[in-house]
């Protein structure tokens, strides 16, 4: 592992990973106001060890944000891959994205804490990939006929931007997801008792026998 272009010793690399892991856990639980000495206790290291790796708290937060951006990029790439290979469909992936952001909320809580209005934001390339992924999944769900015809990628981004956070009880976030999916589903496919997929056709059952190759071409 490297830090600032310098290769770290194995023990130093373990300490750095432990610090980031502890900081992520505490920030998700209690917010970005958590103190460095609390992070040190959680990581099992001295406060001085944290400051050797991260001379300022903002540097620690930026490192976490960079790591989180890489994870988000990987998640989006995997979602697109599942759809293009026929292992999943656009609706299922969109529903999963909403569930992770609103119900599971772990990484979403971390992202919200790390990107306040006056703080750092995700790298432009990560934001751009997220928008491209949502656009691709919306197009795939439209092709399957399970998403309302007037729903756009911008609508999904707006939903995510205004979704309930951790201050909302889990049961209410689950209800928000149920209502959001019902509102997004095409009328002919809407099923009040089924959240995850309103009868989305399987890869081999699409009217035009669309293949992963077709969707790969469209994505390009």
Protein backbone atom coordinates (compact mmCIF):
# COMPACT_ATOMS: atom_id res chain seq x y z
CA UNK A 1 0.00 0.00 0.00
CA UNK A 2 1.12 3.54 -0.68
CA UNK A 3 0.30 6.81 1.06
CA UNK A 4 1.06 10.04 -0.76
CA UNK A 5 3.16 8.06 -3.25
CA UNK A 6 5.30 6.47 -0.51
CA UNK A 7 5.18 2.71 0.05
CA UNK A 8 4.24 1.89 3.63
CA UNK A 9 5.72 -0.88 5.78
CA UNK A 10 3.36 -3.77 6.40
CA UNK A 11 2.62 -2.73 9.99
CA UNK A 12 2.10 0.91 8.99
CA UNK A 13 -0.22 -0.19 6.17
CA UNK A 14 -2.25 -2.29 8.64
CA UNK A 15 -2.49 0.67 11.01
CA UNK A 16 -3.68 2.94 8.22
CA UNK A 17 -6.31 0.45 7.07
CA UNK A 18 -7.46 -0.02 10.67
CA UNK A 19 -7.74 3.74 11.19
CA UNK A 20 -9.84 4.18 8.05
CA UNK A 21 -12.04 1.20 8.96
CA UNK A 22 -12.59 2.54 12.49
CA UNK A 23 -13.31 6.05 11.24
CA UNK A 24 -15.85 4.75 8.72
CA UNK A 25 -17.65 2.76 11.39
CA UNK A 26 -17.83 5.66 13.85
CA UNK A 27 -18.86 8.21 11.21
CA UNK A 28 -21.66 5.95 10.00
CA UNK A 29 -22.84 5.50 13.59
CA UNK A 30 -22.43 9.04 14.94
CA UNK A 31 -21.56 11.46 12.17
CA UNK A 32 -18.43 13.30 11.02
CA UNK A 33 -18.06 15.18 14.32
CA UNK A 34 -16.42 12.11 15.90
CA UNK A 35 -13.09 13.04 17.49
CA UNK A 36 -9.67 11.70 16.48
CA UNK A 37 -9.04 10.21 19.94
CA UNK A 38 -12.28 8.23 19.63
CA UNK A 39 -11.13 6.91 16.27
CA UNK A 40 -7.78 5.97 17.81
CA UNK A 41 -9.48 3.97 20.57
CA UNK A 42 -11.71 2.20 18.05
CA UNK A 43 -8.70 1.37 15.87
CA UNK A 44 -6.55 0.29 18.83
CA UNK A 45 -3.73 2.74 18.09
CA UNK A 46 -2.30 5.83 19.72
CA UNK A 47 -3.62 9.22 18.65
CA UNK A 48 -0.10 10.06 17.48
CA UNK A 49 -0.27 7.14 15.04
CA UNK A 50 -3.35 8.65 13.41
CA UNK A 51 -1.66 12.03 13.04
CA UNK A 52 1.40 10.43 11.47
CA UNK A 53 -0.84 9.06 8.73
CA UNK A 54 -3.31 11.94 8.64
CA UNK A 55 -1.88 15.23 9.97
CA UNK A 56 -5.35 16.80 9.75
CA UNK A 57 -8.80 15.29 10.19
CA UNK A 58 -9.84 16.55 6.75
CA UNK A 59 -7.10 14.39 5.20
CA UNK A 60 -8.58 11.34 6.90
CA UNK A 61 -12.06 12.25 5.66
CA UNK A 62 -10.78 12.78 2.12
CA UNK A 63 -9.06 9.37 2.18
CA UNK A 64 -12.31 7.73 3.27
CA UNK A 65 -14.18 9.59 0.54
CA UNK A 66 -11.68 8.42 -2.08
CA UNK A 67 -12.07 4.81 -0.92
CA UNK A 68 -15.85 5.15 -0.89
CA UNK A 69 -15.81 6.56 -4.42
CA UNK A 70 -13.87 3.52 -5.62
CA UNK A 71 -16.41 1.22 -3.99
CA UNK A 72 -19.33 3.09 -5.53
CA UNK A 73 -17.70 2.90 -8.96
CA UNK A 74 -17.20 -0.85 -8.57
CA UNK A 75 -20.83 -1.32 -7.47
CA UNK A 76 -22.12 0.56 -10.52
CA UNK A 77 -19.84 -1.34 -12.89
CA UNK A 78 -21.08 -4.65 -11.47
CA UNK A 79 -24.72 -3.59 -11.86
CA UNK A 80 -24.20 -2.72 -15.53
CA UNK A 81 -22.30 -5.97 -16.09
CA UNK A 82 -25.13 -8.04 -14.62
CA UNK A 83 -27.66 -6.42 -16.95
CA UNK A 84 -25.54 -6.60 -20.10
CA UNK A 85 -24.75 -10.27 -19.43
CA UNK A 86 -28.43 -11.12 -18.90
CA UNK A 87 -27.93 -12.12 -15.24
CA UNK A 88 -30.20 -9.30 -14.07
CA UNK A 89 -32.42 -6.56 -15.46
CA UNK A 90 -32.70 -2.81 -15.21
CA UNK A 91 -35.63 -2.79 -12.79
CA UNK A 92 -34.00 -5.17 -10.33
CA UNK A 93 -30.81 -3.12 -10.31
CA UNK A 94 -32.68 0.18 -9.89
CA UNK A 95 -34.69 -1.29 -7.02
CA UNK A 96 -31.46 -2.55 -5.45
CA UNK A 97 -29.86 0.87 -5.80
CA UNK A 98 -32.80 2.54 -4.05
CA UNK A 99 -32.79 -0.08 -1.30
CA UNK A 100 -29.09 0.37 -0.60
CA UNK A 101 -29.46 4.15 -0.49
CA UNK A 102 -32.67 4.39 1.54
CA UNK A 103 -33.14 1.22 3.61
CA UNK A 104 -29.70 -0.29 4.13
CA UNK A 105 -28.26 3.25 4.11
CA UNK A 106 -24.80 2.34 5.50
CA UNK A 107 -22.64 3.68 2.69
CA UNK A 108 -25.25 6.33 1.91
CA UNK A 109 -25.02 7.61 5.50
CA UNK A 110 -21.25 7.72 5.20
CA UNK A 111 -21.48 9.54 1.88
CA UNK A 112 -23.89 12.12 3.26
CA UNK A 113 -21.67 12.75 6.27
CA UNK A 114 -18.56 13.12 4.11
CA UNK A 115 -20.13 15.41 1.49
CA UNK A 116 -21.91 18.26 3.30
CA UNK A 117 -22.77 21.39 1.38
CA UNK A 118 -19.55 23.10 2.52
CA UNK A 119 -17.30 20.05 2.37
CA UNK A 120 -15.54 17.82 -0.19
CA UNK A 121 -17.50 15.95 -2.82
CA UNK A 122 -17.03 12.78 -4.80
CA UNK A 123 -14.61 13.03 -7.72
CA UNK A 124 -16.28 14.20 -10.93
CA UNK A 125 -15.59 10.89 -12.66
CA UNK A 126 -17.44 8.98 -9.91
CA UNK A 127 -20.45 11.29 -10.12
CA UNK A 128 -20.42 11.05 -13.90
CA UNK A 129 -20.30 7.25 -13.79
CA UNK A 130 -23.21 7.17 -11.33
CA UNK A 131 -25.31 9.30 -13.67
CA UNK A 132 -24.35 7.14 -16.66
CA UNK A 133 -25.22 3.96 -14.75
CA UNK A 134 -28.64 5.25 -13.70
CA UNK A 135 -29.34 6.34 -17.27
CA UNK A 136 -28.39 2.88 -18.55
CA UNK A 137 -30.55 1.09 -15.98
CA UNK A 138 -33.52 3.37 -16.69
CA UNK A 139 -33.17 2.65 -20.42
CA UNK A 140 -32.97 -1.10 -19.74
CA UNK A 141 -36.10 -1.00 -17.56
CA UNK A 142 -37.91 0.96 -20.26
CA UNK A 143 -36.96 -1.66 -22.84
CA UNK A 144 -38.45 -4.34 -20.60
CA UNK A 145 -41.63 -2.28 -20.29
CA UNK A 146 -41.61 -2.31 -16.48
CA UNK A 147 -40.77 1.34 -15.82
CA UNK A 148 -43.23 4.16 -16.39
CA UNK A 149 -42.61 5.65 -19.83
CA UNK A 150 -42.22 9.19 -18.52
CA UNK A 151 -39.61 8.35 -15.85
CA UNK A 152 -36.12 9.65 -16.62
CA UNK A 153 -32.70 9.18 -15.11
CA UNK A 154 -33.00 12.70 -13.68
CA UNK A 155 -36.16 11.59 -11.86
CA UNK A 156 -34.23 8.78 -10.17
CA UNK A 157 -31.43 11.18 -9.22
CA UNK A 158 -34.03 13.57 -7.78
CA UNK A 159 -35.59 10.74 -5.77
CA UNK A 160 -32.21 9.75 -4.35
CA UNK A 161 -31.30 13.35 -3.54
CA UNK A 162 -34.52 13.78 -1.54
CA UNK A 163 -34.77 10.33 0.03
CA UNK A 164 -35.16 9.95 3.81
CA UNK A 165 -32.03 9.59 5.91
CA UNK A 166 -31.13 7.89 9.17
CA UNK A 167 -33.30 10.33 11.16
CA UNK A 168 -36.29 8.51 9.63
CA UNK A 169 -37.21 5.19 11.33
CA UNK A 170 -36.33 2.06 9.32
CA UNK A 171 -39.99 1.03 9.00
CA UNK A 172 -40.79 4.39 7.40
CA UNK A 173 -37.83 4.15 5.02
CA UNK A 174 -39.05 0.70 3.98
CA UNK A 175 -42.49 2.17 3.35
CA UNK A 176 -40.93 5.02 1.32
CA UNK A 177 -39.21 2.43 -0.88
CA UNK A 178 -42.44 0.47 -1.38
CA UNK A 179 -44.32 3.59 -2.45
CA UNK A 180 -41.48 4.83 -4.66
CA UNK A 181 -41.27 1.53 -6.54
CA UNK A 182 -45.04 1.42 -7.03
CA UNK A 183 -44.94 4.95 -8.43
CA UNK A 184 -42.06 4.10 -10.78
CA UNK A 185 -43.52 0.87 -12.14
CA UNK A 186 -45.41 0.88 -15.42
CA UNK A 187 -49.19 0.61 -14.77
CA UNK A 188 -49.52 -2.73 -16.56
CA UNK A 189 -46.76 -4.22 -14.42
CA UNK A 190 -47.47 -2.65 -11.04
CA UNK A 191 -47.91 -5.22 -8.29
CA UNK A 192 -48.83 -3.78 -4.86
CA UNK A 193 -47.53 -6.85 -3.04
CA UNK A 194 -44.19 -7.13 -4.83
CA UNK A 195 -41.47 -4.54 -4.23
CA UNK A 196 -38.48 -5.86 -6.03
CA UNK A 197 -39.65 -6.58 -9.57
CA UNK A 198 -43.04 -5.83 -11.11
CA UNK A 199 -43.01 -8.96 -13.26
CA UNK A 200 -39.83 -7.93 -15.08
CA UNK A 201 -39.30 -10.39 -17.94
CA UNK A 202 -36.29 -12.63 -17.85
CA UNK A 203 -33.43 -12.17 -20.33
CA UNK A 204 -34.86 -14.80 -22.67
CA UNK A 205 -38.42 -13.51 -22.58
CA UNK A 206 -38.04 -10.02 -24.01
CA UNK A 207 -40.18 -9.25 -27.06
CA UNK A 208 -37.22 -8.48 -29.28
CA UNK A 209 -35.00 -11.20 -27.82
CA UNK A 210 -32.58 -8.47 -26.71
CA UNK A 211 -29.15 -9.68 -25.77
CA UNK A 212 -26.34 -8.47 -23.55
CA UNK A 213 -24.50 -7.51 -26.73
CA UNK A 214 -27.31 -5.16 -27.72
CA UNK A 215 -27.20 -3.40 -24.36
CA UNK A 216 -23.44 -3.22 -24.40
CA UNK A 217 -23.67 -1.48 -27.75
CA UNK A 218 -26.27 0.95 -26.49
CA UNK A 219 -24.20 1.76 -23.40
CA UNK A 220 -21.28 2.74 -25.63
